[in-house]
Amino acid sequence: MAVAALTQALGCLSMNISSGIRGRCHTLAVFSQALRSTAPHQTSLAGYSPWTPLQLFTSPLRGLQTSTVLCQNNPHWKERTKYTIRPIGRKKTGGRDHTGRIRTHGIGGGHKQLYRMVDFQRLRYEPEKENEPFEEKVVEVRYDPCRSADIALVAGGKRKRWIIATENMKAGDVVKTSGVISRMAVSAKEGDAYPLGALPIGTLVHNVEIEAGKGGQYVRAAGTCAILLRKVNGTAILQLPSKHQIQVLETCMATIGRVSNVDHNKRIIGKAGRNRWLGIRPSSGKWKRKGGWAGRKVRPIPPMKSYVNLPSIAAVGGKL
């Protein structure tokens, strides 16, 4: 008898709970239908508290303003396709990528900076004047907050553009750019841009391309330069400021001379606040135990890095 009574009581309780849940679901369905019918006439949700029942129906809208969506709504300053010499406002990233994750630590804050689009591809012909050497006149040389080197505004033909300034470049100078490789080495002056195959051995260069037509990617920091060591079978071998050697095609462009702002590494910060102006956050001063990198030792010369895609011996032998 006791077992039968307990079973009957549990059955009644489950029926009451299920009927209550069905009643609540019916109420929520009616409320949602009414909300959808009045949604076109609703102008603002600012009057609702975030803890009202309306939150149940606006939950699918949460997450629309994620970091990815915000990045799409506010295009990054590097994604602009039309070139301009006007300064462009940029937003601080704080060392984070488009997903919001930290990629570079110790970056954040600082004074507002304006970005100027520097053209690292010196061999950029004007329309209807392809394959012809051209000259450009330096209008001004100025400081750039986004890089360690100074930049120069040059004008030639119907265009103006920013380029990396050389050590002794000043307003009024004329720089020449050519993509022709002649039989005799050219006697280029500082600021001119030529293919590596057209320059004599021992020339100091910067803004070096590793792929022809892609723009300079090496040796762009203040006061740096690379040395043209030798030319072998249509390639050029350069020694970087780090003493590493690279091999590129002789058709890759490079600018003659040394990058401007040579005394950049000799500047005195003076106080911690200046680093904060520059957007550098404080780092830990904890003492770190010295590892195997410390001390004097004989280190092997790093191997030469080649950016030349030469065919392998097996592939050449198979074709023969």
Protein backbone atom coordinates (compact mmCIF):
# COMPACT_ATOMS: atom_id res chain seq x y z
CA MET A 1 0.00 0.00 0.00
CA ALA A 2 2.78 2.40 0.86
CA VAL A 3 4.57 1.69 -2.40
CA ALA A 4 1.40 2.25 -4.43
CA ALA A 5 0.70 5.54 -2.67
CA LEU A 6 4.26 6.76 -3.29
CA THR A 7 4.05 5.85 -6.97
CA GLN A 8 0.76 7.74 -7.37
CA ALA A 9 2.19 10.81 -5.65
CA LEU A 10 5.25 10.89 -7.92
CA GLY A 11 3.05 10.58 -11.00
CA CYS A 12 0.91 13.51 -9.95
CA LEU A 13 4.03 15.59 -9.28
CA SER A 14 5.49 14.88 -12.72
CA MET A 15 2.20 15.78 -14.39
CA ASN A 16 2.10 19.09 -12.52
CA ILE A 17 5.70 19.91 -13.49
CA SER A 18 5.15 19.06 -17.17
CA SER A 19 1.94 21.08 -17.29
CA GLY A 20 3.75 24.02 -15.67
CA ILE A 21 6.58 23.87 -18.19
CA ARG A 22 4.11 23.68 -21.08
CA GLY A 23 2.28 26.67 -19.69
CA ARG A 24 5.49 28.72 -19.42
CA CYS A 25 6.58 27.75 -22.93
CA HIS A 26 3.16 28.78 -24.25
CA THR A 27 3.48 32.12 -22.47
CA LEU A 28 6.96 32.72 -23.90
CA ALA A 29 5.76 31.79 -27.40
CA VAL A 30 2.88 34.28 -27.19
CA PHE A 31 5.21 36.98 -25.88
CA SER A 32 7.73 36.37 -28.66
CA GLN A 33 5.00 36.53 -31.31
CA ALA A 34 3.81 39.83 -29.92
CA LEU A 35 7.37 41.14 -29.87
CA ARG A 36 7.89 40.19 -33.51
CA SER A 37 4.68 41.92 -34.51
CA THR A 38 5.72 45.14 -32.77
CA ALA A 39 9.42 45.02 -33.74
CA PRO A 40 9.03 47.02 -37.02
CA HIS A 41 7.45 49.89 -35.07
CA GLN A 42 10.08 49.84 -32.30
CA THR A 43 12.74 52.49 -32.70
CA SER A 44 15.10 51.94 -29.78
CA LEU A 45 15.96 49.40 -27.10
CA ALA A 46 17.66 51.94 -24.87
CA GLY A 47 14.76 52.06 -22.41
CA TYR A 48 14.98 48.40 -21.46
CA SER A 49 17.06 47.15 -18.57
CA PRO A 50 19.61 44.45 -19.42
CA TRP A 51 17.92 42.17 -16.86
CA THR A 52 14.37 42.36 -18.25
CA PRO A 53 12.71 39.34 -19.95
CA LEU A 54 13.55 41.01 -23.27
CA GLN A 55 17.07 39.64 -22.83
CA LEU A 56 15.74 36.14 -23.58
CA PHE A 57 14.80 37.20 -27.10
CA THR A 58 17.76 39.49 -27.81
CA SER A 59 20.32 36.82 -26.88
CA PRO A 60 20.86 35.82 -30.57
CA LEU A 61 21.93 39.42 -31.19
CA ARG A 62 24.73 39.21 -28.66
CA GLY A 63 28.13 38.73 -30.20
CA LEU A 64 27.51 40.86 -33.26
CA GLN A 65 29.99 43.46 -32.03
CA THR A 66 32.88 41.05 -31.71
CA SER A 67 36.47 42.00 -32.44
CA THR A 68 36.26 40.49 -35.93
CA VAL A 69 33.13 42.45 -36.81
CA LEU A 70 34.58 45.65 -35.36
CA CYS A 71 37.71 45.10 -37.46
CA GLN A 72 35.52 44.79 -40.56
CA ASN A 73 33.53 47.90 -39.71
CA ASN A 74 36.70 49.89 -39.07
CA PRO A 75 39.12 48.93 -41.88
CA HIS A 76 42.77 48.84 -40.90
CA TRP A 77 45.00 51.62 -42.17
CA LYS A 78 47.13 49.13 -44.14
CA GLU A 79 44.15 47.87 -46.13
CA ARG A 80 43.76 51.07 -48.14
CA THR A 81 44.35 50.46 -51.83
CA LYS A 82 44.45 54.00 -53.21
CA TYR A 83 47.81 55.65 -52.62
CA THR A 84 47.93 59.07 -51.03
CA ILE A 85 50.65 61.27 -49.57
CA ARG A 86 48.30 62.71 -46.94
CA PRO A 87 48.78 61.54 -43.35
CA ILE A 88 46.26 58.88 -42.34
CA GLY A 89 44.93 58.45 -38.83
CA ARG A 90 45.58 55.05 -37.30
CA LYS A 91 44.24 53.25 -34.27
CA LYS A 92 46.43 51.62 -31.66
CA THR A 93 46.34 47.83 -31.68
CA GLY A 94 48.05 47.25 -28.34
CA GLY A 95 49.99 44.35 -29.84
CA ARG A 96 46.79 42.46 -30.68
CA ASP A 97 45.61 40.97 -33.96
CA HIS A 98 42.11 41.01 -35.45
CA THR A 99 40.96 38.23 -33.10
CA GLY A 100 41.91 40.20 -29.99
CA ARG A 101 44.77 37.94 -28.98
CA ILE A 102 48.10 39.45 -27.95
CA ARG A 103 50.76 38.82 -30.59
CA THR A 104 53.45 41.21 -29.36
CA HIS A 105 53.85 41.93 -25.65
CA GLY A 106 54.98 45.26 -24.25
CA ILE A 107 53.08 47.47 -26.70
CA GLY A 108 50.25 49.84 -25.84
CA GLY A 109 49.29 53.47 -25.36
CA GLY A 110 51.53 56.30 -26.43
CA HIS A 111 51.04 59.50 -28.36
CA LYS A 112 48.73 59.53 -31.36
CA GLN A 113 50.53 58.87 -34.64
CA LEU A 114 49.72 59.60 -38.26
CA TYR A 115 50.70 57.01 -40.84
CA ARG A 116 52.29 58.04 -44.15
CA MET A 117 52.24 55.48 -46.94
CA VAL A 118 55.88 54.86 -47.90
CA ASP A 119 56.42 53.34 -51.34
CA PHE A 120 59.12 50.70 -50.98
CA GLN A 121 58.89 49.75 -54.67
CA ARG A 122 61.15 52.31 -56.29
CA LEU A 123 60.78 50.91 -59.82
CA ARG A 124 57.18 51.95 -60.35
CA TYR A 125 56.66 53.28 -63.87
CA GLU A 126 54.09 55.87 -64.82
CA PRO A 127 51.42 54.95 -67.37
CA GLU A 128 52.65 55.03 -71.00
CA LYS A 129 56.27 55.42 -69.81
CA GLU A 130 57.24 51.86 -69.05
CA ASN A 131 60.82 50.55 -69.28
CA GLU A 132 62.19 54.10 -69.30
CA PRO A 133 64.51 55.49 -66.59
CA PHE A 134 62.93 58.39 -64.73
CA GLU A 135 64.04 61.08 -62.30
CA GLU A 136 62.33 62.50 -59.23
CA LYS A 137 63.06 65.62 -57.20
CA VAL A 138 63.16 65.61 -53.41
CA VAL A 139 60.60 68.06 -52.05
CA GLU A 140 61.23 67.58 -48.32
CA VAL A 141 62.83 65.26 -45.80
CA ARG A 142 60.96 64.83 -42.54
CA TYR A 143 60.59 62.73 -39.40
CA ASP A 144 58.21 59.78 -39.45
CA PRO A 145 56.75 58.60 -36.11
CA CYS A 146 55.98 55.12 -37.47
CA ARG A 147 59.59 54.13 -38.26
CA SER A 148 63.13 54.81 -37.14
CA ALA A 149 64.32 56.24 -40.48
CA ASP A 150 63.40 59.59 -41.98
CA ILE A 151 61.26 59.73 -45.10
CA ALA A 152 61.47 61.95 -48.17
CA LEU A 153 58.71 63.30 -50.37
CA VAL A 154 59.72 63.04 -54.04
CA ALA A 155 57.88 64.34 -57.08
CA GLY A 156 58.26 63.39 -60.71
CA GLY A 157 55.90 63.53 -63.67
CA LYS A 158 52.31 63.61 -62.44
CA ARG A 159 52.77 61.99 -59.05
CA LYS A 160 54.24 62.40 -55.60
CA ARG A 161 55.21 59.67 -53.16
CA TRP A 162 57.08 59.01 -49.93
CA ILE A 163 60.33 57.01 -49.98
CA ILE A 164 62.99 56.07 -47.44
CA ALA A 165 65.50 58.93 -47.13
CA THR A 166 69.23 58.29 -47.38
CA GLU A 167 71.93 59.59 -45.06
CA ASN A 168 72.80 62.81 -46.93
CA MET A 169 69.54 63.39 -48.80
CA LYS A 170 68.13 66.92 -48.68
CA ALA A 171 65.46 68.97 -50.39
CA GLY A 172 66.30 69.83 -53.99
CA ASP A 173 68.22 66.64 -54.77
CA VAL A 174 67.34 64.64 -57.88
CA VAL A 175 67.22 60.85 -57.63
CA LYS A 176 67.19 58.49 -60.60
CA THR A 177 65.52 55.10 -60.95
CA SER A 178 66.30 52.61 -63.72
CA GLY A 179 65.58 48.94 -64.29
CA VAL A 180 68.19 48.40 -67.03
CA ILE A 181 71.20 46.12 -66.47
CA SER A 182 74.00 47.24 -68.80
CA ARG A 183 77.25 45.48 -69.60
CA MET A 184 79.26 48.07 -67.67
CA ALA A 185 78.56 48.81 -64.03
CA VAL A 186 76.91 52.18 -63.47
CA SER A 187 78.42 54.94 -61.34
CA ALA A 188 75.29 55.69 -59.33
CA LYS A 189 75.06 58.31 -56.63
CA GLU A 190 73.38 58.14 -53.25
CA GLY A 191 69.61 57.87 -53.46
CA ASP A 192 69.46 56.31 -56.93
CA ALA A 193 67.80 52.92 -57.40
CA TYR A 194 69.14 50.25 -59.77
CA PRO A 195 69.03 46.47 -60.12
CA LEU A 196 71.79 44.72 -58.20
CA GLY A 197 73.22 43.39 -61.45
CA ALA A 198 73.94 46.95 -62.63
CA LEU A 199 75.96 47.99 -59.55
CA PRO A 200 79.71 47.54 -58.97
CA ILE A 201 81.05 45.18 -56.32
CA GLY A 202 81.32 46.74 -52.86
CA THR A 203 78.40 49.15 -53.23
CA LEU A 204 76.47 50.04 -50.07
CA VAL A 205 72.74 49.54 -50.62
CA HIS A 206 69.50 49.49 -48.65
CA ASN A 207 65.80 48.82 -49.28
CA VAL A 208 66.69 45.54 -50.98
CA GLU A 209 64.14 43.38 -52.78
CA ILE A 210 64.19 39.62 -52.33
CA GLU A 211 61.71 39.14 -55.16
CA ALA A 212 61.78 41.33 -58.24
CA GLY A 213 58.86 43.76 -58.36
CA LYS A 214 57.67 43.05 -54.82
CA GLY A 215 59.28 46.05 -53.15
CA GLY A 216 62.12 46.40 -50.68
CA GLN A 217 61.92 44.16 -47.62
CA TYR A 218 65.49 44.12 -46.30
CA VAL A 219 67.65 46.87 -44.74
CA ARG A 220 65.10 49.60 -44.07
CA ALA A 221 65.92 50.55 -40.47
CA ALA A 222 67.73 53.77 -39.55
CA GLY A 223 71.47 53.85 -40.22
CA THR A 224 71.65 50.39 -41.81
CA CYS A 225 73.15 49.27 -45.12
CA ALA A 226 74.10 46.08 -46.93
CA ILE A 227 77.24 45.37 -48.96
CA LEU A 228 77.22 43.85 -52.44
CA LEU A 229 79.88 41.13 -52.14
CA ARG A 230 79.81 39.38 -55.51
CA LYS A 231 77.67 38.42 -58.49
CA VAL A 232 77.43 34.77 -59.57
CA ASN A 233 75.44 33.36 -62.51
CA GLY A 234 72.73 35.99 -62.62
CA THR A 235 72.50 36.32 -58.85
CA ALA A 236 73.87 38.79 -56.32
CA ILE A 237 75.20 37.98 -52.85
CA LEU A 238 74.74 40.61 -50.14
CA GLN A 239 76.03 40.91 -46.60
CA LEU A 240 73.40 42.24 -44.20
CA PRO A 241 74.11 44.39 -41.11
CA SER A 242 73.84 41.19 -39.03
CA LYS A 243 76.77 39.70 -41.04
CA HIS A 244 74.41 37.14 -42.58
CA GLN A 245 74.63 36.65 -46.32
CA ILE A 246 71.70 36.32 -48.69
CA GLN A 247 71.50 35.45 -52.37
CA VAL A 248 68.92 37.12 -54.62
CA LEU A 249 68.41 37.56 -58.33
CA GLU A 250 70.36 40.36 -59.99
CA THR A 251 67.09 41.85 -61.25
CA CYS A 252 66.06 42.76 -57.69
CA MET A 253 66.13 46.50 -57.04
CA ALA A 254 68.11 48.27 -54.33
CA THR A 255 68.75 51.88 -53.35
CA ILE A 256 72.32 53.15 -53.16
CA GLY A 257 73.59 54.53 -49.89
CA ARG A 258 72.89 54.25 -46.20
CA VAL A 259 69.54 54.81 -44.51
CA SER A 260 69.07 58.19 -42.83
CA ASN A 261 69.02 58.95 -39.08
CA VAL A 262 72.35 57.26 -38.40
CA ASP A 263 72.43 58.34 -34.74
CA HIS A 264 69.14 56.66 -33.93
CA ASN A 265 70.80 54.00 -31.75
CA LYS A 266 72.66 56.68 -29.76
CA ARG A 267 69.61 58.54 -28.50
CA ILE A 268 69.12 58.78 -24.73
CA ILE A 269 65.60 57.99 -23.51
CA GLY A 270 66.19 59.82 -20.22
CA LYS A 271 63.09 58.69 -18.33
CA ALA A 272 60.46 55.98 -18.31
CA GLY A 273 57.76 58.37 -19.45
CA ARG A 274 59.38 58.84 -22.84
CA ASN A 275 59.06 55.14 -23.55
CA ARG A 276 55.38 55.42 -22.69
CA TRP A 277 55.09 58.26 -25.21
CA LEU A 278 56.54 55.91 -27.81
CA GLY A 279 53.99 53.21 -26.98
CA ILE A 280 56.40 50.92 -25.11
CA ARG A 281 54.97 49.46 -21.91
CA PRO A 282 57.08 48.62 -18.84
CA SER A 283 58.69 45.19 -18.72
CA SER A 284 59.83 43.14 -15.77
CA GLY A 285 63.28 43.90 -14.35
CA LYS A 286 63.67 40.43 -12.90
CA TRP A 287 67.19 39.01 -13.10
CA LYS A 288 67.41 36.12 -15.55
CA ARG A 289 69.91 33.33 -15.21
CA LYS A 290 72.46 33.25 -17.99
CA GLY A 291 72.19 30.27 -20.30
CA GLY A 292 74.38 28.76 -22.96
CA TRP A 293 74.25 31.92 -25.05
CA ALA A 294 76.42 33.85 -22.56
CA GLY A 295 80.19 33.92 -22.59
CA ARG A 296 82.82 33.80 -25.31
CA LYS A 297 82.84 30.89 -27.70
CA VAL A 298 83.64 30.04 -31.29
CA ARG A 299 80.44 30.37 -33.26
CA PRO A 300 80.13 29.00 -36.79
CA ILE A 301 79.38 31.40 -39.62
CA PRO A 302 75.65 31.28 -40.39
CA PRO A 303 74.91 29.68 -43.77
CA MET A 304 73.96 31.86 -46.70
CA LYS A 305 70.23 32.16 -47.25
CA SER A 306 69.18 31.95 -50.89
CA TYR A 307 66.02 33.49 -52.31
CA VAL A 308 66.75 32.14 -55.79
CA ASN A 309 64.49 29.30 -56.93
CA LEU A 310 66.99 27.37 -59.00
CA PRO A 311 65.95 23.99 -60.50
CA SER A 312 67.29 20.93 -58.73
CA ILE A 313 69.95 18.69 -60.30
CA ALA A 314 67.52 15.76 -60.52
CA ALA A 315 64.97 17.85 -62.41
CA VAL A 316 67.57 19.13 -64.85
CA GLY A 317 68.95 15.60 -65.39
CA GLY A 318 65.48 14.21 -66.04
CA LYS A 319 64.82 16.81 -68.75
CA LEU A 320 68.13 16.04 -70.45
